[in-house]
Amino acid sequence: KFSEYFDANTYLLITRALDYFDPAR
């Protein structure tokens, strides 16, 4: 179901944004 509507590059971008978030860094 997910592969029918979600964009692969968007998935890469959003998961990387998750990785980077670290206000205490």
mmCIF file of all heavy atoms, coordinates in Angstrom:
data_MODEL
# 
_entry.id   MODEL 
# 
loop_
_atom_site.group_PDB 
_atom_site.id 
_atom_site.type_symbol 
_atom_site.label_atom_id 
_atom_site.label_alt_id 
_atom_site.label_comp_id 
_atom_site.label_asym_id 
_atom_site.label_entity_id 
_atom_site.label_seq_id 
_atom_site.pdbx_PDB_ins_code 
_atom_site.Cartn_x 
_atom_site.Cartn_y 
_atom_site.Cartn_z 
_atom_site.occupancy 
_atom_site.B_iso_or_equiv 
_atom_site.pdbx_formal_charge 
_atom_site.auth_seq_id 
_atom_site.auth_comp_id 
_atom_site.auth_asym_id 
_atom_site.auth_atom_id 
_atom_site.pdbx_PDB_model_num 
ATOM 1   N N   . LYS A 1 1  ? 0.833  -1.209 0.000  1.00 0.00 ? 1  LYS A N   1 
ATOM 2   C CA  . LYS A 1 1  ? 0.000  0.000  0.000  1.00 0.00 ? 1  LYS A CA  1 
ATOM 3   C C   . LYS A 1 1  ? 0.866  1.256  0.000  1.00 0.00 ? 1  LYS A C   1 
ATOM 4   O O   . LYS A 1 1  ? 0.620  2.199  -0.762 1.00 0.00 ? 1  LYS A O   1 
ATOM 5   C CB  . LYS A 1 1  ? -0.920 -0.026 1.228  1.00 0.00 ? 1  LYS A CB  1 
ATOM 6   C CG  . LYS A 1 1  ? -1.924 1.114  1.281  1.00 0.00 ? 1  LYS A CG  1 
ATOM 7   C CD  . LYS A 1 1  ? -2.946 0.906  2.399  1.00 0.00 ? 1  LYS A CD  1 
ATOM 8   C CE  . LYS A 1 1  ? -2.328 1.039  3.764  1.00 0.00 ? 1  LYS A CE  1 
ATOM 9   N NZ  . LYS A 1 1  ? -3.348 1.081  4.845  1.00 0.00 ? 1  LYS A NZ  1 
ATOM 10  N N   . PHE A 1 2  ? 1.879  1.269  0.845  1.00 0.00 ? 2  PHE A N   1 
ATOM 11  C CA  . PHE A 1 2  ? 2.765  2.428  0.960  1.00 0.00 ? 2  PHE A CA  1 
ATOM 12  C C   . PHE A 1 2  ? 3.488  2.712  -0.348 1.00 0.00 ? 2  PHE A C   1 
ATOM 13  O O   . PHE A 1 2  ? 3.624  3.865  -0.768 1.00 0.00 ? 2  PHE A O   1 
ATOM 14  C CB  . PHE A 1 2  ? 3.782  2.155  2.076  1.00 0.00 ? 2  PHE A CB  1 
ATOM 15  C CG  . PHE A 1 2  ? 4.672  3.305  2.413  1.00 0.00 ? 2  PHE A CG  1 
ATOM 16  C CD1 . PHE A 1 2  ? 4.185  4.413  3.086  1.00 0.00 ? 2  PHE A CD1 1 
ATOM 17  C CD2 . PHE A 1 2  ? 6.024  3.278  2.092  1.00 0.00 ? 2  PHE A CD2 1 
ATOM 18  C CE1 . PHE A 1 2  ? 5.018  5.472  3.427  1.00 0.00 ? 2  PHE A CE1 1 
ATOM 19  C CE2 . PHE A 1 2  ? 6.865  4.324  2.424  1.00 0.00 ? 2  PHE A CE2 1 
ATOM 20  C CZ  . PHE A 1 2  ? 6.350  5.422  3.093  1.00 0.00 ? 2  PHE A CZ  1 
ATOM 21  N N   . SER A 1 3  ? 3.939  1.651  -1.024 1.00 0.00 ? 3  SER A N   1 
ATOM 22  C CA  . SER A 1 3  ? 4.721  1.820  -2.253 1.00 0.00 ? 3  SER A CA  1 
ATOM 23  C C   . SER A 1 3  ? 3.902  2.378  -3.403 1.00 0.00 ? 3  SER A C   1 
ATOM 24  O O   . SER A 1 3  ? 4.470  2.834  -4.405 1.00 0.00 ? 3  SER A O   1 
ATOM 25  C CB  . SER A 1 3  ? 5.347  0.482  -2.666 1.00 0.00 ? 3  SER A CB  1 
ATOM 26  O OG  . SER A 1 3  ? 4.362  -0.420 -3.135 1.00 0.00 ? 3  SER A OG  1 
ATOM 27  N N   . GLU A 1 4  ? 2.580  2.361  -3.248 1.00 0.00 ? 4  GLU A N   1 
ATOM 28  C CA  . GLU A 1 4  ? 1.704  2.875  -4.306 1.00 0.00 ? 4  GLU A CA  1 
ATOM 29  C C   . GLU A 1 4  ? 1.550  4.394  -4.254 1.00 0.00 ? 4  GLU A C   1 
ATOM 30  O O   . GLU A 1 4  ? 1.183  5.014  -5.244 1.00 0.00 ? 4  GLU A O   1 
ATOM 31  C CB  . GLU A 1 4  ? 0.319  2.227  -4.200 1.00 0.00 ? 4  GLU A CB  1 
ATOM 32  C CG  . GLU A 1 4  ? 0.294  0.735  -4.476 1.00 0.00 ? 4  GLU A CG  1 
ATOM 33  C CD  . GLU A 1 4  ? 0.567  0.397  -5.932 1.00 0.00 ? 4  GLU A CD  1 
ATOM 34  O OE1 . GLU A 1 4  ? 0.328  1.272  -6.792 1.00 0.00 ? 4  GLU A OE1 1 
ATOM 35  O OE2 . GLU A 1 4  ? 1.034  -0.719 -6.207 1.00 0.00 ? 4  GLU A OE2 1 
ATOM 36  N N   . TYR A 1 5  ? 1.824  4.996  -3.076 1.00 0.00 ? 5  TYR A N   1 
ATOM 37  C CA  . TYR A 1 5  ? 1.541  6.432  -2.971 1.00 0.00 ? 5  TYR A CA  1 
ATOM 38  C C   . TYR A 1 5  ? 2.709  7.280  -2.457 1.00 0.00 ? 5  TYR A C   1 
ATOM 39  O O   . TYR A 1 5  ? 2.692  8.505  -2.618 1.00 0.00 ? 5  TYR A O   1 
ATOM 40  C CB  . TYR A 1 5  ? 0.318  6.678  -2.084 1.00 0.00 ? 5  TYR A CB  1 
ATOM 41  C CG  . TYR A 1 5  ? 0.520  6.431  -0.598 1.00 0.00 ? 5  TYR A CG  1 
ATOM 42  C CD1 . TYR A 1 5  ? 1.054  7.419  0.230  1.00 0.00 ? 5  TYR A CD1 1 
ATOM 43  C CD2 . TYR A 1 5  ? 0.161  5.226  -0.013 1.00 0.00 ? 5  TYR A CD2 1 
ATOM 44  C CE1 . TYR A 1 5  ? 1.230  7.198  1.584  1.00 0.00 ? 5  TYR A CE1 1 
ATOM 45  C CE2 . TYR A 1 5  ? 0.321  4.991  1.342  1.00 0.00 ? 5  TYR A CE2 1 
ATOM 46  C CZ  . TYR A 1 5  ? 0.862  5.985  2.137  1.00 0.00 ? 5  TYR A CZ  1 
ATOM 47  O OH  . TYR A 1 5  ? 1.047  5.767  3.485  1.00 0.00 ? 5  TYR A OH  1 
ATOM 48  N N   . PHE A 1 6  ? 3.719  6.683  -1.844 1.00 0.00 ? 6  PHE A N   1 
ATOM 49  C CA  . PHE A 1 6  ? 4.777  7.499  -1.257 1.00 0.00 ? 6  PHE A CA  1 
ATOM 50  C C   . PHE A 1 6  ? 5.973  7.594  -2.190 1.00 0.00 ? 6  PHE A C   1 
ATOM 51  O O   . PHE A 1 6  ? 6.260  6.669  -2.960 1.00 0.00 ? 6  PHE A O   1 
ATOM 52  C CB  . PHE A 1 6  ? 5.212  6.932  0.098  1.00 0.00 ? 6  PHE A CB  1 
ATOM 53  C CG  . PHE A 1 6  ? 5.747  7.978  1.039  1.00 0.00 ? 6  PHE A CG  1 
ATOM 54  C CD1 . PHE A 1 6  ? 4.884  8.819  1.709  1.00 0.00 ? 6  PHE A CD1 1 
ATOM 55  C CD2 . PHE A 1 6  ? 7.109  8.125  1.229  1.00 0.00 ? 6  PHE A CD2 1 
ATOM 56  C CE1 . PHE A 1 6  ? 5.371  9.799  2.566  1.00 0.00 ? 6  PHE A CE1 1 
ATOM 57  C CE2 . PHE A 1 6  ? 7.611  9.098  2.082  1.00 0.00 ? 6  PHE A CE2 1 
ATOM 58  C CZ  . PHE A 1 6  ? 6.740  9.932  2.756  1.00 0.00 ? 6  PHE A CZ  1 
ATOM 59  N N   . ASP A 1 7  ? 6.691  8.707  -2.108 1.00 0.00 ? 7  ASP A N   1 
ATOM 60  C CA  . ASP A 1 7  ? 7.847  8.947  -2.967 1.00 0.00 ? 7  ASP A CA  1 
ATOM 61  C C   . ASP A 1 7  ? 9.135  8.492  -2.282 1.00 0.00 ? 7  ASP A C   1 
ATOM 62  O O   . ASP A 1 7  ? 9.377  8.812  -1.112 1.00 0.00 ? 7  ASP A O   1 
ATOM 63  C CB  . ASP A 1 7  ? 7.939  10.430 -3.310 1.00 0.00 ? 7  ASP A CB  1 
ATOM 64  C CG  . ASP A 1 7  ? 9.128  10.739 -4.192 1.00 0.00 ? 7  ASP A CG  1 
ATOM 65  O OD1 . ASP A 1 7  ? 9.134  10.294 -5.350 1.00 0.00 ? 7  ASP A OD1 1 
ATOM 66  O OD2 . ASP A 1 7  ? 10.078 11.390 -3.707 1.00 0.00 ? 7  ASP A OD2 1 
ATOM 67  N N   . ALA A 1 8  ? 9.962  7.775  -3.016 1.00 0.00 ? 8  ALA A N   1 
ATOM 68  C CA  . ALA A 1 8  ? 11.186 7.213  -2.449 1.00 0.00 ? 8  ALA A CA  1 
ATOM 69  C C   . ALA A 1 8  ? 12.171 8.299  -2.005 1.00 0.00 ? 8  ALA A C   1 
ATOM 70  O O   . ALA A 1 8  ? 12.776 8.207  -0.929 1.00 0.00 ? 8  ALA A O   1 
ATOM 71  C CB  . ALA A 1 8  ? 11.851 6.285  -3.468 1.00 0.00 ? 8  ALA A CB  1 
ATOM 72  N N   . ASN A 1 9  ? 12.356 9.334  -2.812 1.00 0.00 ? 9  ASN A N   1 
ATOM 73  C CA  . ASN A 1 9  ? 13.271 10.410 -2.416 1.00 0.00 ? 9  ASN A CA  1 
ATOM 74  C C   . ASN A 1 9  ? 12.766 11.158 -1.192 1.00 0.00 ? 9  ASN A C   1 
ATOM 75  O O   . ASN A 1 9  ? 13.562 11.580 -0.343 1.00 0.00 ? 9  ASN A O   1 
ATOM 76  C CB  . ASN A 1 9  ? 13.477 11.381 -3.582 1.00 0.00 ? 9  ASN A CB  1 
ATOM 77  C CG  . ASN A 1 9  ? 14.424 10.835 -4.629 1.00 0.00 ? 9  ASN A CG  1 
ATOM 78  O OD1 . ASN A 1 9  ? 15.496 10.328 -4.318 1.00 0.00 ? 9  ASN A OD1 1 
ATOM 79  N ND2 . ASN A 1 9  ? 14.029 10.926 -5.894 1.00 0.00 ? 9  ASN A ND2 1 
ATOM 80  N N   . THR A 1 10 ? 11.463 11.325 -1.104 1.00 0.00 ? 10 THR A N   1 
ATOM 81  C CA  . THR A 1 10 ? 10.887 11.954 0.081  1.00 0.00 ? 10 THR A CA  1 
ATOM 82  C C   . THR A 1 10 ? 11.193 11.129 1.319  1.00 0.00 ? 10 THR A C   1 
ATOM 83  O O   . THR A 1 10 ? 11.517 11.680 2.384  1.00 0.00 ? 10 THR A O   1 
ATOM 84  C CB  . THR A 1 10 ? 9.362  12.125 -0.092 1.00 0.00 ? 10 THR A CB  1 
ATOM 85  O OG1 . THR A 1 10 ? 9.121  13.126 -1.083 1.00 0.00 ? 10 THR A OG1 1 
ATOM 86  C CG2 . THR A 1 10 ? 8.697  12.545 1.209  1.00 0.00 ? 10 THR A CG2 1 
ATOM 87  N N   . TYR A 1 11 ? 11.098 9.812  1.200  1.00 0.00 ? 11 TYR A N   1 
ATOM 88  C CA  . TYR A 1 11 ? 11.398 8.945  2.349  1.00 0.00 ? 11 TYR A CA  1 
ATOM 89  C C   . TYR A 1 11 ? 12.840 9.155  2.814  1.00 0.00 ? 11 TYR A C   1 
ATOM 90  O O   . TYR A 1 11 ? 13.113 9.260  4.022  1.00 0.00 ? 11 TYR A O   1 
ATOM 91  C CB  . TYR A 1 11 ? 11.173 7.480  1.986  1.00 0.00 ? 11 TYR A CB  1 
ATOM 92  C CG  . TYR A 1 11 ? 11.087 6.577  3.192  1.00 0.00 ? 11 TYR A CG  1 
ATOM 93  C CD1 . TYR A 1 11 ? 9.866  6.216  3.731  1.00 0.00 ? 11 TYR A CD1 1 
ATOM 94  C CD2 . TYR A 1 11 ? 12.239 6.101  3.812  1.00 0.00 ? 11 TYR A CD2 1 
ATOM 95  C CE1 . TYR A 1 11 ? 9.785  5.407  4.858  1.00 0.00 ? 11 TYR A CE1 1 
ATOM 96  C CE2 . TYR A 1 11 ? 12.174 5.300  4.932  1.00 0.00 ? 11 TYR A CE2 1 
ATOM 97  C CZ  . TYR A 1 11 ? 10.945 4.947  5.444  1.00 0.00 ? 11 TYR A CZ  1 
ATOM 98  O OH  . TYR A 1 11 ? 10.882 4.158  6.571  1.00 0.00 ? 11 TYR A OH  1 
ATOM 99  N N   . LEU A 1 12 ? 13.761 9.237  1.861  1.00 0.00 ? 12 LEU A N   1 
ATOM 100 C CA  . LEU A 1 12 ? 15.158 9.465  2.211  1.00 0.00 ? 12 LEU A CA  1 
ATOM 101 C C   . LEU A 1 12 ? 15.336 10.805 2.915  1.00 0.00 ? 12 LEU A C   1 
ATOM 102 O O   . LEU A 1 12 ? 16.045 10.908 3.929  1.00 0.00 ? 12 LEU A O   1 
ATOM 103 C CB  . LEU A 1 12 ? 16.037 9.424  0.965  1.00 0.00 ? 12 LEU A CB  1 
ATOM 104 C CG  . LEU A 1 12 ? 16.000 8.158  0.102  1.00 0.00 ? 12 LEU A CG  1 
ATOM 105 C CD1 . LEU A 1 12 ? 17.001 8.284  -1.037 1.00 0.00 ? 12 LEU A CD1 1 
ATOM 106 C CD2 . LEU A 1 12 ? 16.273 6.913  0.923  1.00 0.00 ? 12 LEU A CD2 1 
ATOM 107 N N   . LEU A 1 13 ? 14.705 11.843 2.378  1.00 0.00 ? 13 LEU A N   1 
ATOM 108 C CA  . LEU A 1 13 ? 14.842 13.181 2.944  1.00 0.00 ? 13 LEU A CA  1 
ATOM 109 C C   . LEU A 1 13 ? 14.294 13.259 4.369  1.00 0.00 ? 13 LEU A C   1 
ATOM 110 O O   . LEU A 1 13 ? 14.929 13.832 5.270  1.00 0.00 ? 13 LEU A O   1 
ATOM 111 C CB  . LEU A 1 13 ? 14.105 14.201 2.071  1.00 0.00 ? 13 LEU A CB  1 
ATOM 112 C CG  . LEU A 1 13 ? 14.734 14.542 0.713  1.00 0.00 ? 13 LEU A CG  1 
ATOM 113 C CD1 . LEU A 1 13 ? 13.750 15.356 -0.121 1.00 0.00 ? 13 LEU A CD1 1 
ATOM 114 C CD2 . LEU A 1 13 ? 16.034 15.307 0.908  1.00 0.00 ? 13 LEU A CD2 1 
ATOM 115 N N   . ILE A 1 14 ? 13.110 12.703 4.574  1.00 0.00 ? 14 ILE A N   1 
ATOM 116 C CA  . ILE A 1 14 ? 12.457 12.852 5.878  1.00 0.00 ? 14 ILE A CA  1 
ATOM 117 C C   . ILE A 1 14 ? 13.172 12.030 6.946  1.00 0.00 ? 14 ILE A C   1 
ATOM 118 O O   . ILE A 1 14 ? 13.346 12.493 8.081  1.00 0.00 ? 14 ILE A O   1 
ATOM 119 C CB  . ILE A 1 14 ? 10.962 12.496 5.782  1.00 0.00 ? 14 ILE A CB  1 
ATOM 120 C CG1 . ILE A 1 14 ? 10.245 13.517 4.883  1.00 0.00 ? 14 ILE A CG1 1 
ATOM 121 C CG2 . ILE A 1 14 ? 10.318 12.475 7.170  1.00 0.00 ? 14 ILE A CG2 1 
ATOM 122 C CD1 . ILE A 1 14 ? 8.756  13.295 4.747  1.00 0.00 ? 14 ILE A CD1 1 
ATOM 123 N N   . THR A 1 15 ? 13.613 10.826 6.595  1.00 0.00 ? 15 THR A N   1 
ATOM 124 C CA  . THR A 1 15 ? 14.329 10.047 7.605  1.00 0.00 ? 15 THR A CA  1 
ATOM 125 C C   . THR A 1 15 ? 15.665 10.695 7.946  1.00 0.00 ? 15 THR A C   1 
ATOM 126 O O   . THR A 1 15 ? 16.119 10.635 9.096  1.00 0.00 ? 15 THR A O   1 
ATOM 127 C CB  . THR A 1 15 ? 14.551 8.588  7.154  1.00 0.00 ? 15 THR A CB  1 
ATOM 128 O OG1 . THR A 1 15 ? 15.212 8.567  5.885  1.00 0.00 ? 15 THR A OG1 1 
ATOM 129 C CG2 . THR A 1 15 ? 13.222 7.850  7.060  1.00 0.00 ? 15 THR A CG2 1 
ATOM 130 N N   . ARG A 1 16 ? 16.305 11.338 6.975  1.00 0.00 ? 16 ARG A N   1 
ATOM 131 C CA  . ARG A 1 16 ? 17.553 12.025 7.274  1.00 0.00 ? 16 ARG A CA  1 
ATOM 132 C C   . ARG A 1 16 ? 17.307 13.254 8.156  1.00 0.00 ? 16 ARG A C   1 
ATOM 133 O O   . ARG A 1 16 ? 18.115 13.557 9.058  1.00 0.00 ? 16 ARG A O   1 
ATOM 134 C CB  . ARG A 1 16 ? 18.276 12.421 5.986  1.00 0.00 ? 16 ARG A CB  1 
ATOM 135 C CG  . ARG A 1 16 ? 19.662 12.979 6.227  1.00 0.00 ? 16 ARG A CG  1 
ATOM 136 C CD  . ARG A 1 16 ? 20.513 12.023 7.054  1.00 0.00 ? 16 ARG A CD  1 
ATOM 137 N NE  . ARG A 1 16 ? 21.412 11.225 6.261  1.00 0.00 ? 16 ARG A NE  1 
ATOM 138 C CZ  . ARG A 1 16 ? 22.093 10.187 6.737  1.00 0.00 ? 16 ARG A CZ  1 
ATOM 139 N NH1 . ARG A 1 16 ? 21.958 9.821  8.003  1.00 0.00 ? 16 ARG A NH1 1 
ATOM 140 N NH2 . ARG A 1 16 ? 22.907 9.494  5.966  1.00 0.00 ? 16 ARG A NH2 1 
ATOM 141 N N   . ALA A 1 17 ? 16.203 13.942 7.936  1.00 0.00 ? 17 ALA A N   1 
ATOM 142 C CA  . ALA A 1 17 ? 15.851 15.068 8.808  1.00 0.00 ? 17 ALA A CA  1 
ATOM 143 C C   . ALA A 1 17 ? 15.665 14.591 10.247 1.00 0.00 ? 17 ALA A C   1 
ATOM 144 O O   . ALA A 1 17 ? 16.070 15.273 11.199 1.00 0.00 ? 17 ALA A O   1 
ATOM 145 C CB  . ALA A 1 17 ? 14.585 15.758 8.295  1.00 0.00 ? 17 ALA A CB  1 
ATOM 146 N N   . LEU A 1 18 ? 15.058 13.419 10.397 1.00 0.00 ? 18 LEU A N   1 
ATOM 147 C CA  . LEU A 1 18 ? 14.936 12.816 11.728 1.00 0.00 ? 18 LEU A CA  1 
ATOM 148 C C   . LEU A 1 18 ? 16.313 12.588 12.343 1.00 0.00 ? 18 LEU A C   1 
ATOM 149 O O   . LEU A 1 18 ? 16.563 12.916 13.513 1.00 0.00 ? 18 LEU A O   1 
ATOM 150 C CB  . LEU A 1 18 ? 14.207 11.477 11.620 1.00 0.00 ? 18 LEU A CB  1 
ATOM 151 C CG  . LEU A 1 18 ? 12.684 11.456 11.739 1.00 0.00 ? 18 LEU A CG  1 
ATOM 152 C CD1 . LEU A 1 18 ? 12.138 10.150 11.179 1.00 0.00 ? 18 LEU A CD1 1 
ATOM 153 C CD2 . LEU A 1 18 ? 12.259 11.624 13.191 1.00 0.00 ? 18 LEU A CD2 1 
ATOM 154 N N   . ASP A 1 19 ? 17.218 12.012 11.564 1.00 0.00 ? 19 ASP A N   1 
ATOM 155 C CA  . ASP A 1 19 ? 18.565 11.713 12.061 1.00 0.00 ? 19 ASP A CA  1 
ATOM 156 C C   . ASP A 1 19 ? 19.282 12.975 12.538 1.00 0.00 ? 19 ASP A C   1 
ATOM 157 O O   . ASP A 1 19 ? 20.000 12.958 13.547 1.00 0.00 ? 19 ASP A O   1 
ATOM 158 C CB  . ASP A 1 19 ? 19.420 11.077 10.956 1.00 0.00 ? 19 ASP A CB  1 
ATOM 159 C CG  . ASP A 1 19 ? 18.931 9.707  10.522 1.00 0.00 ? 19 ASP A CG  1 
ATOM 160 O OD1 . ASP A 1 19 ? 18.061 9.124  11.197 1.00 0.00 ? 19 ASP A OD1 1 
ATOM 161 O OD2 . ASP A 1 19 ? 19.425 9.216  9.480  1.00 0.00 ? 19 ASP A OD2 1 
ATOM 162 N N   . TYR A 1 20 ? 19.147 14.057 11.787 1.00 0.00 ? 20 TYR A N   1 
ATOM 163 C CA  . TYR A 1 20 ? 19.909 15.269 12.061 1.00 0.00 ? 20 TYR A CA  1 
ATOM 164 C C   . TYR A 1 20 ? 19.391 16.060 13.262 1.00 0.00 ? 20 TYR A C   1 
ATOM 165 O O   . TYR A 1 20 ? 20.146 16.826 13.869 1.00 0.00 ? 20 TYR A O   1 
ATOM 166 C CB  . TYR A 1 20 ? 19.904 16.189 10.828 1.00 0.00 ? 20 TYR A CB  1 
ATOM 167 C CG  . TYR A 1 20 ? 20.832 15.786 9.718  1.00 0.00 ? 20 TYR A CG  1 
ATOM 168 C CD1 . TYR A 1 20 ? 20.593 16.195 8.414  1.00 0.00 ? 20 TYR A CD1 1 
ATOM 169 C CD2 . TYR A 1 20 ? 21.956 15.007 9.947  1.00 0.00 ? 20 TYR A CD2 1 
ATOM 170 C CE1 . TYR A 1 20 ? 21.442 15.844 7.372  1.00 0.00 ? 20 TYR A CE1 1 
ATOM 171 C CE2 . TYR A 1 20 ? 22.812 14.640 8.915  1.00 0.00 ? 20 TYR A CE2 1 
ATOM 172 C CZ  . TYR A 1 20 ? 22.543 15.058 7.633  1.00 0.00 ? 20 TYR A CZ  1 
ATOM 173 O OH  . TYR A 1 20 ? 23.383 14.717 6.608  1.00 0.00 ? 20 TYR A OH  1 
ATOM 174 N N   . PHE A 1 21 ? 18.120 15.921 13.593 1.00 0.00 ? 21 PHE A N   1 
ATOM 175 C CA  . PHE A 1 21 ? 17.558 16.774 14.648 1.00 0.00 ? 21 PHE A CA  1 
ATOM 176 C C   . PHE A 1 21 ? 18.249 16.495 15.983 1.00 0.00 ? 21 PHE A C   1 
ATOM 177 O O   . PHE A 1 21 ? 18.230 15.378 16.493 1.00 0.00 ? 21 PHE A O   1 
ATOM 178 C CB  . PHE A 1 21 ? 16.055 16.540 14.789 1.00 0.00 ? 21 PHE A CB  1 
ATOM 179 C CG  . PHE A 1 21 ? 15.423 17.436 15.830 1.00 0.00 ? 21 PHE A CG  1 
ATOM 180 C CD1 . PHE A 1 21 ? 15.309 18.796 15.605 1.00 0.00 ? 21 PHE A CD1 1 
ATOM 181 C CD2 . PHE A 1 21 ? 14.959 16.914 17.034 1.00 0.00 ? 21 PHE A CD2 1 
ATOM 182 C CE1 . PHE A 1 21 ? 14.743 19.637 16.561 1.00 0.00 ? 21 PHE A CE1 1 
ATOM 183 C CE2 . PHE A 1 21 ? 14.390 17.733 17.983 1.00 0.00 ? 21 PHE A CE2 1 
ATOM 184 C CZ  . PHE A 1 21 ? 14.283 19.095 17.751 1.00 0.00 ? 21 PHE A CZ  1 
ATOM 185 N N   . ASP A 1 22 ? 18.842 17.515 16.553 1.00 0.00 ? 22 ASP A N   1 
ATOM 186 C CA  . ASP A 1 22 ? 19.571 17.369 17.816 1.00 0.00 ? 22 ASP A CA  1 
ATOM 187 C C   . ASP A 1 22 ? 19.907 18.755 18.356 1.00 0.00 ? 22 ASP A C   1 
ATOM 188 O O   . ASP A 1 22 ? 21.037 19.234 18.225 1.00 0.00 ? 22 ASP A O   1 
ATOM 189 C CB  . ASP A 1 22 ? 20.852 16.555 17.581 1.00 0.00 ? 22 ASP A CB  1 
ATOM 190 C CG  . ASP A 1 22 ? 21.586 16.215 18.869 1.00 0.00 ? 22 ASP A CG  1 
ATOM 191 O OD1 . ASP A 1 22 ? 21.061 16.550 19.962 1.00 0.00 ? 22 ASP A OD1 1 
ATOM 192 O OD2 . ASP A 1 22 ? 22.677 15.625 18.788 1.00 0.00 ? 22 ASP A OD2 1 
ATOM 193 N N   . PRO A 1 23 ? 18.934 19.434 18.954 1.00 0.00 ? 23 PRO A N   1 
ATOM 194 C CA  . PRO A 1 23 ? 19.171 20.819 19.383 1.00 0.00 ? 23 PRO A CA  1 
ATOM 195 C C   . PRO A 1 23 ? 20.268 20.976 20.427 1.00 0.00 ? 23 PRO A C   1 
ATOM 196 O O   . PRO A 1 23 ? 20.826 22.061 20.584 1.00 0.00 ? 23 PRO A O   1 
ATOM 197 C CB  . PRO A 1 23 ? 17.806 21.251 19.939 1.00 0.00 ? 23 PRO A CB  1 
ATOM 198 C CG  . PRO A 1 23 ? 17.065 19.987 20.215 1.00 0.00 ? 23 PRO A CG  1 
ATOM 199 C CD  . PRO A 1 23 ? 17.562 18.999 19.215 1.00 0.00 ? 23 PRO A CD  1 
ATOM 200 N N   . ALA A 1 24 ? 20.606 19.902 21.132 1.00 0.00 ? 24 ALA A N   1 
ATOM 201 C CA  . ALA A 1 24 ? 21.655 20.005 22.149 1.00 0.00 ? 24 ALA A CA  1 
ATOM 202 C C   . ALA A 1 24 ? 23.053 19.849 21.563 1.00 0.00 ? 24 ALA A C   1 
ATOM 203 O O   . ALA A 1 24 ? 24.048 20.073 22.259 1.00 0.00 ? 24 ALA A O   1 
ATOM 204 C CB  . ALA A 1 24 ? 21.430 18.943 23.227 1.00 0.00 ? 24 ALA A CB  1 
ATOM 205 N N   . ARG A 1 25 ? 23.140 19.488 20.303 1.00 0.00 ? 25 ARG A N   1 
ATOM 206 C CA  . ARG A 1 25 ? 24.445 19.192 19.694 1.00 0.00 ? 25 ARG A CA  1 
ATOM 207 C C   . ARG A 1 25 ? 25.404 20.373 19.776 1.00 0.00 ? 25 ARG A C   1 
ATOM 208 O O   . ARG A 1 25 ? 26.589 20.205 20.072 1.00 0.00 ? 25 ARG A O   1 
ATOM 209 C CB  . ARG A 1 25 ? 24.260 18.759 18.235 1.00 0.00 ? 25 ARG A CB  1 
ATOM 210 C CG  . ARG A 1 25 ? 25.541 18.301 17.565 1.00 0.00 ? 25 ARG A CG  1 
ATOM 211 C CD  . ARG A 1 25 ? 25.284 17.777 16.147 1.00 0.00 ? 25 ARG A CD  1 
ATOM 212 N NE  . ARG A 1 25 ? 26.513 17.347 15.489 1.00 0.00 ? 25 ARG A NE  1 
ATOM 213 C CZ  . ARG A 1 25 ? 27.071 16.163 15.627 1.00 0.00 ? 25 ARG A CZ  1 
ATOM 214 N NH1 . ARG A 1 25 ? 26.504 15.264 16.407 1.00 0.00 ? 25 ARG A NH1 1 
ATOM 215 N NH2 . ARG A 1 25 ? 28.181 15.849 14.986 1.00 0.00 ? 25 ARG A NH2 1 
# 
